[in-house]
Amino acid sequence: MIEIKRALVSVSDKTGITEICSFLAKAGVEILSTGGTYDALSKAGVSVKKVDEFTGFPEILHGRVKTLHPKIHGGLLGDTTNPDHVKQMTENGIEPITLVIVNLYPFVKTVQKPDVTLEETIENIDIGGPSMLRSAAKNHKNVVVLTDPKDYENFQKEFSDNKGKISRESAFGYAAKVYSETASYDSAISSYFNKKLDIKYPDKITFAFNKKQKLRYGENPHQDAAFYEPIFIKSQFEALQGKELSFNNMLDFDAAFHVASLLPKNAVSIVKHLNPCGIAFGETVLESFELARKTDPISAFGGIIGIHGMVEKEAALEITKNFVEGVIAEGFSLEAMEIFSKKPNIRLIPIAKFDEALDELDLRSLHHGLLIQNRDYDLITKDKLKVVSKKKPTADDLEGLMFAWNCVKFIKSNAIVYTDQNSTLGIGAGQMSRVDSVELGAIKAQKVGLSVVGSYVGSDAFFPFRDGIDAIAKVGAKAIIQPGGSIRDEEVIQAADEHGLIMVFTGMRHFRH
């Protein structure tokens, strides 16, 4: 057991600090403190001694140096079970410090302030705090260290139960939390400097994330899972109602959001197992939803719906006619919320700012490694398209082709999508052969009674052979948009011309693995 006789306290987050220090002082623990923490404790009537009185050395350099002193770090690092340490501490007048309560300068909050200067940011990089935390955590056999106010209550209970002592097992747990805290803190600083220097792929990379919530389970019920949010950004994934979120739910909500957010206002995406099974936009959210659902009503059952707009009463009534896992939208009217409340298992997530963070990175884990890329947000404008067929598109055709292109980028490769000007008709996703995706998309449309005659076809990558073009012509589609770039492009273009198809190249591929 570690007997608590002397505590060093220095906190930026003063939640609960006067209460725990008052508790310690009443138990006879000597409390050392600095700066604003000392002032807060003194004002609250807590018996406290200034660190410079303890060290005999004043704070200097505007407070940059106050705890960086041998009497502090000797007191934190000295192992009182080691005779040599005890001898050196006695010779140098160093007294043990057995409790440290420290949290760090608010670096993250500082850099998030509007118009914060580099000088202000630098001043909020804590030096003494991490040093004290790491020293105390290293010597956890002799020192208890608290950095999270949520731990104060458990500490006080154990202290009381054990007459002023804390178990080494508890001290080890508190020490482990310290290293997570200091690593996260340093990672935030590193990320800030890399962003300032526009370094996207540094030689060494760290990420700072806070656990937001434990999930019901992972991809399968036997897998554990949790959701973490970046330390600089608060996730907007806050459900208004519904069952607890699972790993797969989170992925599908994210996918539904990405699709709808990059399409026009009122756009609706219905996602199942990370693939869109219907995408559309109309004059209203209700119209968009009905069009999107028509693409594949069977797959839409139990799907997650992304809505680039406000969900009103009429749309809510239509959505709740069948089972859905959840809806992510710009917002929900009070009437809509009343309707959804009758289906309490449907998860509702509002995202007030329904647009993309264009600098967001895509992270993928693999065996003993991490892949990082920027997300596929690049958009092609109509003036960048290259018409390669003899038959030329009209202005309406270009609108339809652009819609097909902006849908196909969200479908798993090999991806083919049939559309009209504002809604999907048939989707062929995730096939190993592109011609299989062509045929699957047409079959899916036919199965639900939708015609692809006169439709627009988007392909996420080039056609390696003319067989895909022949299959598209066979079902009666009108026009094709694809990246181009195959060694057989001439053969593919010739096939389009033979069938009287419009074909345009984008020069950009949209593989989605």
Protein backbone atom coordinates (compact mmCIF):
# COMPACT_ATOMS: atom_id res chain seq x y z
CA MET A 1 0.00 0.00 0.00
CA ILE A 2 1.09 3.58 -0.67
CA GLU A 3 0.58 5.95 2.25
CA ILE A 4 -0.47 9.41 1.12
CA LYS A 5 1.35 12.09 3.13
CA ARG A 6 2.17 14.82 0.62
CA ALA A 7 0.32 15.86 -2.57
CA LEU A 8 1.37 18.02 -5.48
CA VAL A 9 -1.61 19.66 -7.18
CA SER A 10 -1.65 21.69 -10.41
CA VAL A 11 -4.69 21.59 -12.67
CA SER A 12 -6.18 23.50 -15.58
CA ASP A 13 -9.50 21.66 -15.29
CA LYS A 14 -10.50 22.55 -11.74
CA THR A 15 -13.56 20.29 -11.65
CA GLY A 16 -13.79 18.86 -8.14
CA ILE A 17 -10.33 20.06 -7.13
CA THR A 18 -11.33 22.05 -4.03
CA GLU A 19 -13.42 19.15 -2.78
CA ILE A 20 -10.69 16.52 -3.07
CA CYS A 21 -8.02 18.84 -1.66
CA SER A 22 -10.24 19.80 1.25
CA PHE A 23 -10.75 16.09 1.90
CA LEU A 24 -6.98 15.48 1.82
CA ALA A 25 -6.13 18.47 4.00
CA LYS A 26 -8.61 17.34 6.67
CA ALA A 27 -6.85 13.96 6.62
CA GLY A 28 -3.54 15.64 7.37
CA VAL A 29 -2.02 15.47 3.88
CA GLU A 30 0.36 18.34 3.04
CA ILE A 31 -0.67 20.00 -0.21
CA LEU A 32 1.74 21.79 -2.56
CA SER A 33 0.42 23.87 -5.42
CA THR A 34 1.15 26.59 -7.97
CA GLY A 35 -0.42 29.54 -9.77
CA GLY A 36 -4.15 29.49 -10.37
CA THR A 37 -4.63 26.20 -8.55
CA TYR A 38 -2.99 27.60 -5.42
CA ASP A 39 -5.23 30.69 -5.63
CA ALA A 40 -8.39 28.56 -6.03
CA LEU A 41 -7.50 26.34 -3.08
CA SER A 42 -6.56 29.27 -0.85
CA LYS A 43 -9.78 31.07 -1.71
CA ALA A 44 -11.72 27.92 -0.76
CA GLY A 45 -9.99 27.86 2.62
CA VAL A 46 -7.86 24.77 1.91
CA SER A 47 -4.51 24.62 3.72
CA VAL A 48 -1.94 24.71 0.91
CA LYS A 49 1.76 25.56 0.47
CA LYS A 50 3.31 27.21 -2.60
CA VAL A 51 5.74 25.06 -4.55
CA ASP A 52 8.41 27.77 -4.44
CA GLU A 53 8.28 27.67 -0.63
CA PHE A 54 8.84 23.92 -0.80
CA THR A 55 11.72 24.12 -3.30
CA GLY A 56 13.25 27.39 -2.08
CA PHE A 57 13.40 28.51 -5.69
CA PRO A 58 11.05 31.09 -7.26
CA GLU A 59 8.86 30.64 -10.31
CA ILE A 60 10.70 32.16 -13.29
CA LEU A 61 10.23 32.90 -16.99
CA HIS A 62 6.59 33.97 -16.50
CA GLY A 63 5.72 30.63 -14.91
CA ARG A 64 7.39 28.44 -17.53
CA VAL A 65 9.71 27.10 -14.82
CA LYS A 66 8.14 26.36 -11.46
CA THR A 67 7.98 22.59 -10.88
CA LEU A 68 11.07 21.66 -12.92
CA HIS A 69 13.24 21.30 -9.84
CA PRO A 70 15.18 18.39 -8.20
CA LYS A 71 13.13 18.68 -5.00
CA ILE A 72 9.98 18.08 -7.07
CA HIS A 73 11.20 15.41 -9.45
CA GLY A 74 13.44 13.81 -6.84
CA GLY A 75 10.40 13.58 -4.58
CA LEU A 76 8.39 12.02 -7.42
CA LEU A 77 11.02 9.62 -8.75
CA GLY A 78 12.65 8.52 -5.52
CA ASP A 79 12.03 4.85 -4.74
CA THR A 80 11.66 4.69 -0.96
CA THR A 81 12.19 0.91 -1.04
CA ASN A 82 15.67 1.44 -2.50
CA PRO A 83 18.28 2.22 0.24
CA ASP A 84 20.52 4.07 -2.23
CA HIS A 85 17.64 6.31 -3.32
CA VAL A 86 16.73 7.01 0.31
CA LYS A 87 20.36 7.90 1.11
CA GLN A 88 20.63 10.33 -1.83
CA MET A 89 17.26 11.92 -1.05
CA THR A 90 18.32 12.47 2.58
CA GLU A 91 21.67 13.94 1.55
CA ASN A 92 19.97 16.40 -0.80
CA GLY A 93 17.04 17.34 1.42
CA ILE A 94 14.47 15.73 -0.89
CA GLU A 95 11.17 14.67 0.65
CA PRO A 96 8.85 12.12 -0.98
CA ILE A 97 5.72 13.26 -2.78
CA THR A 98 3.23 10.40 -2.75
CA LEU A 99 0.26 11.92 -4.60
CA VAL A 100 0.14 13.97 -7.79
CA ILE A 101 -3.07 15.56 -9.06
CA VAL A 102 -2.30 17.19 -12.39
CA ASN A 103 -4.06 17.84 -15.67
CA LEU A 104 -2.64 19.76 -18.57
CA TYR A 105 -2.87 23.20 -20.19
CA PRO A 106 -5.91 23.26 -22.52
CA PHE A 107 -3.93 23.02 -25.76
CA VAL A 108 -6.80 21.59 -27.83
CA LYS A 109 -9.33 24.21 -26.64
CA THR A 110 -6.78 26.93 -27.32
CA VAL A 111 -6.14 25.99 -30.96
CA GLN A 112 -9.89 25.72 -31.58
CA LYS A 113 -10.43 29.37 -30.62
CA PRO A 114 -11.16 31.71 -33.53
CA ASP A 115 -8.13 33.77 -34.62
CA VAL A 116 -5.81 32.14 -32.08
CA THR A 117 -2.21 33.22 -32.62
CA LEU A 118 0.77 30.92 -32.92
CA GLU A 119 2.28 32.61 -29.85
CA GLU A 120 -0.83 31.85 -27.75
CA THR A 121 -0.80 28.27 -28.99
CA ILE A 122 2.87 27.81 -28.05
CA GLU A 123 2.26 29.19 -24.54
CA ASN A 124 -0.41 26.52 -24.06
CA ILE A 125 2.01 23.66 -24.65
CA ASP A 126 2.44 22.26 -21.16
CA ILE A 127 5.98 21.30 -20.11
CA GLY A 128 5.90 20.89 -16.33
CA GLY A 129 2.57 19.06 -16.29
CA PRO A 130 3.57 16.13 -18.56
CA SER A 131 6.93 15.95 -16.75
CA MET A 132 5.25 15.58 -13.35
CA LEU A 133 2.73 13.09 -14.68
CA ARG A 134 5.35 10.92 -16.33
CA SER A 135 7.66 11.01 -13.31
CA ALA A 136 4.84 10.03 -10.95
CA ALA A 137 3.54 7.33 -13.30
CA LYS A 138 7.02 5.84 -13.71
CA ASN A 139 7.34 5.60 -9.93
CA HIS A 140 3.82 4.19 -9.43
CA LYS A 141 5.12 1.75 -6.77
CA ASN A 142 5.58 4.78 -4.52
CA VAL A 143 3.37 7.51 -6.00
CA VAL A 144 -0.32 7.72 -6.88
CA VAL A 145 -1.12 9.98 -9.83
CA LEU A 146 -4.54 11.34 -10.81
CA THR A 147 -5.10 13.15 -14.10
CA ASP A 148 -8.84 12.57 -14.63
CA PRO A 149 -11.37 14.29 -12.31
CA LYS A 150 -13.68 11.30 -12.82
CA ASP A 151 -11.23 9.26 -10.70
CA TYR A 152 -11.45 11.51 -7.63
CA GLU A 153 -14.47 9.78 -6.13
CA ASN A 154 -13.00 6.26 -6.30
CA PHE A 155 -9.68 7.54 -4.94
CA GLN A 156 -11.36 9.15 -1.93
CA LYS A 157 -13.35 6.00 -1.17
CA GLU A 158 -10.23 3.82 -1.24
CA PHE A 159 -8.30 6.40 0.80
CA SER A 160 -11.02 6.37 3.47
CA ASP A 161 -11.44 2.59 3.47
CA ASN A 162 -7.70 2.06 3.92
CA LYS A 163 -7.00 4.87 6.41
CA GLY A 164 -5.00 7.09 4.06
CA LYS A 165 -3.46 4.39 1.86
CA ILE A 166 -3.94 3.38 -1.79
CA SER A 167 -3.14 -0.05 -3.22
CA ARG A 168 -0.34 -0.45 -5.74
CA GLU A 169 -2.83 -2.13 -8.03
CA SER A 170 -4.94 1.05 -8.12
CA ALA A 171 -1.80 3.17 -8.53
CA PHE A 172 -0.80 1.09 -11.56
CA GLY A 173 -4.21 1.68 -13.15
CA TYR A 174 -3.96 5.44 -12.60
CA ALA A 175 -0.43 5.40 -14.05
CA ALA A 176 -1.61 3.63 -17.19
CA LYS A 177 -4.19 6.37 -17.74
CA VAL A 178 -1.42 8.99 -17.48
CA TYR A 179 0.51 7.60 -20.44
CA SER A 180 -2.63 7.56 -22.58
CA GLU A 181 -3.22 11.19 -21.60
CA THR A 182 0.32 12.42 -22.32
CA ALA A 183 0.50 10.44 -25.58
CA SER A 184 -2.79 11.98 -26.71
CA TYR A 185 -1.61 15.44 -25.69
CA ASP A 186 1.65 15.12 -27.63
CA SER A 187 -0.22 13.71 -30.60
CA ALA A 188 -2.51 16.75 -30.65
CA ILE A 189 0.54 19.06 -30.66
CA SER A 190 2.19 17.03 -33.41
CA SER A 191 -0.98 17.12 -35.52
CA TYR A 192 -1.24 20.89 -35.06
CA PHE A 193 2.33 21.49 -36.24
CA ASN A 194 1.97 19.13 -39.20
CA LYS A 195 -1.19 20.94 -40.26
CA LYS A 196 0.54 24.31 -39.91
CA LEU A 197 3.31 23.03 -42.19
CA ASP A 198 0.83 21.29 -44.53
CA ILE A 199 2.52 17.93 -43.93
CA LYS A 200 -0.13 15.32 -44.69
CA TYR A 201 2.03 12.22 -44.61
CA PRO A 202 4.82 12.67 -42.04
CA ASP A 203 7.49 10.01 -41.49
CA LYS A 204 5.92 9.25 -38.11
CA ILE A 205 2.23 9.70 -37.48
CA THR A 206 0.10 9.59 -34.37
CA PHE A 207 -3.61 10.16 -33.89
CA ALA A 208 -5.41 11.51 -30.85
CA PHE A 209 -8.91 10.13 -30.36
CA ASN A 210 -11.24 10.06 -27.37
CA LYS A 211 -13.65 7.19 -26.77
CA LYS A 212 -17.14 8.51 -27.37
CA GLN A 213 -19.13 5.37 -26.72
CA LYS A 214 -19.05 1.62 -26.35
CA LEU A 215 -20.95 -0.04 -29.19
CA ARG A 216 -23.38 -2.93 -28.86
CA TYR A 217 -20.90 -5.19 -30.67
CA GLY A 218 -18.59 -5.25 -33.69
CA GLU A 219 -19.37 -6.61 -37.15
CA ASN A 220 -20.72 -9.70 -35.38
CA PRO A 221 -22.12 -10.15 -31.87
CA HIS A 222 -19.03 -12.02 -30.66
CA GLN A 223 -16.81 -9.01 -31.47
CA ASP A 224 -16.29 -6.05 -29.11
CA ALA A 225 -16.30 -2.52 -30.51
CA ALA A 226 -16.17 1.16 -29.53
CA PHE A 227 -16.47 4.49 -31.34
CA TYR A 228 -13.73 7.10 -30.99
CA GLU A 229 -13.83 10.72 -32.11
CA PRO A 230 -10.86 12.95 -33.04
CA ILE A 231 -9.57 15.03 -30.15
CA PHE A 232 -9.94 18.25 -32.18
CA ILE A 233 -13.48 17.55 -33.45
CA LYS A 234 -16.64 16.55 -31.64
CA SER A 235 -18.53 13.91 -33.58
CA GLN A 236 -22.09 14.81 -34.50
CA PHE A 237 -23.14 11.17 -34.32
CA GLU A 238 -25.61 11.66 -31.46
CA ALA A 239 -28.78 9.59 -31.76
CA LEU A 240 -32.05 11.27 -30.74
CA GLN A 241 -33.73 7.92 -30.27
CA GLY A 242 -33.38 4.27 -31.15
CA LYS A 243 -31.52 1.14 -30.13
CA GLU A 244 -27.87 1.27 -29.14
CA LEU A 245 -25.59 1.61 -32.18
CA SER A 246 -23.52 -1.30 -33.44
CA PHE A 247 -20.31 -1.24 -35.49
CA ASN A 248 -22.16 -1.99 -38.74
CA ASN A 249 -24.78 0.68 -38.02
CA MET A 250 -22.05 3.29 -37.64
CA LEU A 251 -20.46 2.31 -40.96
CA ASP A 252 -23.79 2.45 -42.78
CA PHE A 253 -24.76 5.80 -41.20
CA ASP A 254 -21.41 7.19 -42.32
CA ALA A 255 -21.87 5.87 -45.86
CA ALA A 256 -25.43 7.22 -46.11
CA PHE A 257 -24.22 10.63 -44.96
CA HIS A 258 -21.32 10.73 -47.45
CA VAL A 259 -23.56 9.90 -50.42
CA ALA A 260 -26.34 12.38 -49.64
CA SER A 261 -24.04 15.20 -48.57
CA LEU A 262 -22.28 15.39 -51.93
CA LEU A 263 -25.54 15.48 -53.90
CA PRO A 264 -28.06 18.35 -54.29
CA LYS A 265 -30.43 19.52 -51.58
CA ASN A 266 -33.16 17.00 -50.70
CA ALA A 267 -31.04 14.10 -51.99
CA VAL A 268 -31.73 10.75 -50.35
CA SER A 269 -29.45 7.73 -50.19
CA ILE A 270 -30.53 4.34 -48.89
CA VAL A 271 -27.59 2.19 -47.78
CA LYS A 272 -27.38 -1.51 -46.98
CA HIS A 273 -24.12 -3.21 -46.02
CA LEU A 274 -22.11 -0.13 -47.10
CA ASN A 275 -23.58 -0.13 -50.62
CA PRO A 276 -26.23 2.31 -51.81
CA CYS A 277 -29.36 0.44 -52.90
CA GLY A 278 -31.07 3.63 -54.05
CA ILE A 279 -30.11 7.28 -54.63
CA ALA A 280 -32.31 10.14 -55.83
CA PHE A 281 -33.08 13.82 -55.54
CA GLY A 282 -36.33 15.62 -56.24
CA GLU A 283 -38.27 18.71 -55.28
CA THR A 284 -38.94 17.39 -51.78
CA VAL A 285 -37.43 14.88 -49.38
CA LEU A 286 -40.56 12.75 -49.74
CA GLU A 287 -40.23 12.62 -53.54
CA SER A 288 -36.52 11.81 -53.27
CA PHE A 289 -37.15 9.00 -50.78
CA GLU A 290 -39.87 7.42 -52.91
CA LEU A 291 -37.65 7.53 -56.00
CA ALA A 292 -34.64 6.11 -54.13
CA ARG A 293 -36.70 3.28 -52.62
CA LYS A 294 -38.04 2.26 -56.05
CA THR A 295 -34.54 1.24 -57.16
CA ASP A 296 -34.45 -1.74 -54.79
CA PRO A 297 -37.33 -1.84 -52.29
CA ILE A 298 -36.34 -5.31 -51.06
CA SER A 299 -32.82 -4.22 -50.11
CA ALA A 300 -34.14 -0.91 -48.73
CA PHE A 301 -35.97 -2.94 -46.06
CA GLY A 302 -33.80 -2.65 -42.94
CA GLY A 303 -31.52 -0.06 -44.54
CA ILE A 304 -30.16 3.24 -43.30
CA ILE A 305 -31.34 6.43 -44.97
CA GLY A 306 -29.25 9.55 -45.55
CA ILE A 307 -31.19 12.76 -46.23
CA HIS A 308 -29.65 16.04 -47.35
CA GLY A 309 -32.48 18.07 -45.93
CA MET A 310 -35.06 18.39 -43.14
CA VAL A 311 -37.38 15.43 -42.53
CA GLU A 312 -40.97 16.65 -42.30
CA LYS A 313 -44.21 14.88 -41.39
CA GLU A 314 -44.98 13.47 -44.86
CA ALA A 315 -41.54 11.90 -45.33
CA ALA A 316 -41.58 10.48 -41.79
CA LEU A 317 -44.96 8.82 -42.44
CA GLU A 318 -43.63 7.19 -45.62
CA ILE A 319 -40.30 6.11 -44.10
CA THR A 320 -42.00 4.42 -41.14
CA LYS A 321 -44.29 2.30 -43.34
CA ASN A 322 -41.53 -0.31 -43.51
CA PHE A 323 -38.72 -1.36 -41.18
CA VAL A 324 -35.58 0.80 -41.34
CA GLU A 325 -32.55 0.75 -39.06
CA GLY A 326 -32.11 4.51 -38.96
CA VAL A 327 -32.15 7.93 -40.57
CA ILE A 328 -29.36 10.51 -40.70
CA ALA A 329 -30.51 13.94 -41.85
CA GLU A 330 -30.07 17.69 -41.45
CA GLY A 331 -32.86 17.64 -38.92
CA PHE A 332 -36.31 16.39 -37.99
CA SER A 333 -39.42 18.52 -37.50
CA LEU A 334 -41.43 18.16 -34.29
CA GLU A 335 -44.22 16.45 -36.23
CA ALA A 336 -41.71 14.03 -37.75
CA MET A 337 -40.24 13.30 -34.31
CA GLU A 338 -43.73 12.51 -33.02
CA ILE A 339 -44.22 9.99 -35.83
CA PHE A 340 -40.81 8.38 -35.30
CA SER A 341 -41.43 8.15 -31.55
CA LYS A 342 -44.03 5.47 -32.32
CA LYS A 343 -41.17 3.42 -33.80
CA PRO A 344 -38.70 3.80 -30.91
CA ASN A 345 -36.15 1.36 -32.32
CA ILE A 346 -35.45 3.55 -35.36
CA ARG A 347 -32.21 5.44 -34.75
CA LEU A 348 -32.34 9.14 -35.66
CA ILE A 349 -29.15 11.16 -36.09
CA PRO A 350 -29.29 14.89 -36.97
CA ILE A 351 -26.27 16.46 -38.68
CA ALA A 352 -26.91 20.20 -38.75
CA LYS A 353 -23.97 20.94 -41.05
CA PHE A 354 -24.69 18.40 -43.75
CA ASP A 355 -21.54 18.74 -45.80
CA GLU A 356 -18.17 17.06 -46.08
CA ALA A 357 -14.91 17.89 -44.32
CA LEU A 358 -12.90 17.95 -47.52
CA ASP A 359 -9.56 17.50 -45.76
CA GLU A 360 -10.71 14.34 -43.96
CA LEU A 361 -8.43 11.32 -44.21
CA ASP A 362 -9.49 7.78 -44.99
CA LEU A 363 -7.80 5.32 -42.61
CA ARG A 364 -7.72 1.58 -43.23
CA SER A 365 -6.13 -0.95 -40.94
CA LEU A 366 -4.40 -4.04 -42.19
CA HIS A 367 -2.22 -6.73 -40.62
CA HIS A 368 0.30 -4.85 -38.45
CA GLY A 369 -0.16 -1.63 -40.41
CA LEU A 370 -2.25 1.35 -41.43
CA LEU A 371 -3.12 2.72 -44.87
CA ILE A 372 -3.92 6.42 -45.16
CA GLN A 373 -5.32 8.35 -48.10
CA ASN A 374 -7.33 11.48 -48.66
CA ARG A 375 -11.01 10.74 -49.25
CA ASP A 376 -12.37 10.52 -52.79
CA TYR A 377 -14.13 13.87 -52.87
CA ASP A 378 -12.86 15.22 -56.20
CA LEU A 379 -15.71 16.17 -58.51
CA ILE A 380 -15.71 16.42 -62.30
CA THR A 381 -17.57 19.32 -63.88
CA LYS A 382 -19.36 19.08 -67.21
CA ASP A 383 -16.76 21.18 -68.98
CA LYS A 384 -14.10 18.57 -68.14
CA LEU A 385 -15.93 15.73 -69.86
CA LYS A 386 -14.55 14.39 -73.14
CA VAL A 387 -17.15 13.20 -75.62
CA VAL A 388 -15.57 10.28 -77.52
CA SER A 389 -18.58 8.86 -79.39
CA LYS A 390 -19.99 10.00 -82.71
CA LYS A 391 -23.34 10.61 -81.08
CA LYS A 392 -23.23 13.77 -78.94
CA PRO A 393 -25.06 14.39 -75.64
CA THR A 394 -27.71 17.06 -75.23
CA ALA A 395 -27.78 19.35 -72.20
CA ASP A 396 -30.30 16.96 -70.58
CA ASP A 397 -28.05 14.01 -71.35
CA LEU A 398 -25.13 15.72 -69.62
CA GLU A 399 -27.27 16.22 -66.51
CA GLY A 400 -28.15 12.53 -66.48
CA LEU A 401 -24.56 11.46 -67.07
CA MET A 402 -23.29 13.69 -64.28
CA PHE A 403 -25.85 12.23 -61.89
CA ALA A 404 -24.77 8.69 -62.82
CA TRP A 405 -21.13 9.63 -62.29
CA ASN A 406 -21.78 11.18 -58.89
CA CYS A 407 -23.64 8.02 -57.80
CA VAL A 408 -21.24 5.36 -59.05
CA LYS A 409 -18.34 6.68 -56.96
CA PHE A 410 -20.11 5.45 -53.81
CA ILE A 411 -20.75 1.90 -55.03
CA LYS A 412 -18.32 -0.95 -54.33
CA SER A 413 -16.11 -1.92 -57.27
CA ASN A 414 -16.61 -3.20 -59.84
CA ALA A 415 -19.50 -0.73 -59.96
CA ILE A 416 -22.13 -0.01 -62.58
CA VAL A 417 -25.19 2.18 -62.07
CA TYR A 418 -28.18 2.82 -64.36
CA THR A 419 -29.97 6.12 -63.76
CA ASP A 420 -32.38 8.59 -65.20
CA GLN A 421 -31.68 12.29 -64.60
CA ASN A 422 -32.27 12.23 -60.86
CA SER A 423 -32.67 8.67 -59.57
CA THR A 424 -30.98 5.32 -59.74
CA LEU A 425 -32.71 2.51 -61.65
CA GLY A 426 -30.40 -0.45 -61.23
CA ILE A 427 -27.14 -0.99 -59.36
CA GLY A 428 -24.50 -3.62 -60.02
CA ALA A 429 -22.03 -3.63 -57.13
CA GLY A 430 -18.97 -5.53 -55.98
CA GLN A 431 -18.63 -7.97 -58.84
CA MET A 432 -15.28 -9.40 -59.89
CA SER A 433 -16.12 -8.85 -63.58
CA ARG A 434 -17.34 -5.51 -64.92
CA VAL A 435 -19.66 -7.17 -67.44
CA ASP A 436 -21.25 -9.07 -64.51
CA SER A 437 -21.94 -5.71 -62.83
CA VAL A 438 -23.49 -4.44 -66.08
CA GLU A 439 -25.80 -7.45 -66.27
CA LEU A 440 -26.59 -7.45 -62.54
CA GLY A 441 -27.63 -3.78 -62.55
CA ALA A 442 -30.03 -4.36 -65.44
CA ILE A 443 -31.45 -7.52 -63.83
CA LYS A 444 -32.01 -5.70 -60.51
CA ALA A 445 -33.94 -2.94 -62.34
CA GLN A 446 -36.02 -5.43 -64.31
CA LYS A 447 -36.80 -7.38 -61.13
CA VAL A 448 -38.57 -4.37 -59.56
CA GLY A 449 -40.28 -3.31 -62.79
CA LEU A 450 -38.00 -0.41 -63.72
CA SER A 451 -36.94 0.08 -67.33
CA VAL A 452 -33.34 0.95 -68.17
CA VAL A 453 -34.24 1.77 -71.77
CA GLY A 454 -32.91 5.27 -72.45
CA SER A 455 -30.97 5.27 -69.18
CA TYR A 456 -27.55 6.65 -68.31
CA VAL A 457 -24.82 4.26 -67.23
CA GLY A 458 -21.98 5.16 -64.88
CA SER A 459 -18.89 2.96 -64.57
CA ASP A 460 -16.37 3.55 -61.78
CA ALA A 461 -13.43 2.40 -63.96
CA PHE A 462 -12.74 1.81 -67.63
CA PHE A 463 -14.22 -1.02 -69.68
CA PRO A 464 -11.40 -3.45 -70.45
CA PHE A 465 -13.33 -5.08 -73.32
CA ARG A 466 -16.26 -4.25 -75.57
CA ASP A 467 -18.42 -6.99 -74.00
CA GLY A 468 -19.61 -4.54 -71.33
CA ILE A 469 -20.71 -2.06 -74.00
CA ASP A 470 -22.51 -4.77 -75.92
CA ALA A 471 -24.38 -5.78 -72.77
CA ILE A 472 -25.37 -2.16 -72.06
CA ALA A 473 -26.67 -1.73 -75.61
CA LYS A 474 -28.64 -4.97 -75.32
CA VAL A 475 -30.74 -3.64 -72.43
CA GLY A 476 -31.43 -0.35 -74.24
CA ALA A 477 -29.39 2.21 -72.29
CA LYS A 478 -28.69 5.50 -73.99
CA ALA A 479 -25.37 6.85 -72.75
CA ILE A 480 -22.25 5.82 -70.82
CA ILE A 481 -19.92 7.81 -68.59
CA GLN A 482 -16.61 6.18 -67.67
CA PRO A 483 -12.99 7.17 -66.94
CA GLY A 484 -11.40 5.80 -70.13
CA GLY A 485 -7.75 4.84 -70.15
CA SER A 486 -7.91 1.21 -71.29
CA ILE A 487 -5.51 -0.07 -73.93
CA ARG A 488 -8.69 -1.13 -75.74
CA ASP A 489 -10.41 2.28 -75.59
CA GLU A 490 -10.64 2.42 -79.39
CA GLU A 491 -12.38 -0.96 -79.46
CA VAL A 492 -14.78 0.19 -76.72
CA ILE A 493 -15.53 3.49 -78.49
CA GLN A 494 -16.12 1.61 -81.75
CA ALA A 495 -18.63 -0.63 -79.96
CA ALA A 496 -20.48 2.43 -78.63
CA ASP A 497 -20.64 3.91 -82.12
CA GLU A 498 -21.88 0.65 -83.61
CA HIS A 499 -24.76 0.64 -81.10
CA GLY A 500 -25.48 4.39 -81.44
CA LEU A 501 -24.56 5.04 -77.81
CA ILE A 502 -23.29 8.29 -76.33
CA MET A 503 -20.01 7.84 -74.49
CA VAL A 504 -18.04 10.37 -72.47
CA PHE A 505 -14.74 9.99 -70.64
CA THR A 506 -13.96 11.66 -67.30
CA GLY A 507 -10.25 10.86 -67.01
CA MET A 508 -10.89 10.05 -63.33
CA ARG A 509 -11.37 6.63 -61.72
CA HIS A 510 -13.53 5.97 -58.66
CA PHE A 511 -12.56 2.53 -57.33
CA ARG A 512 -14.12 1.83 -53.95
CA HIS A 513 -12.70 -1.18 -52.15
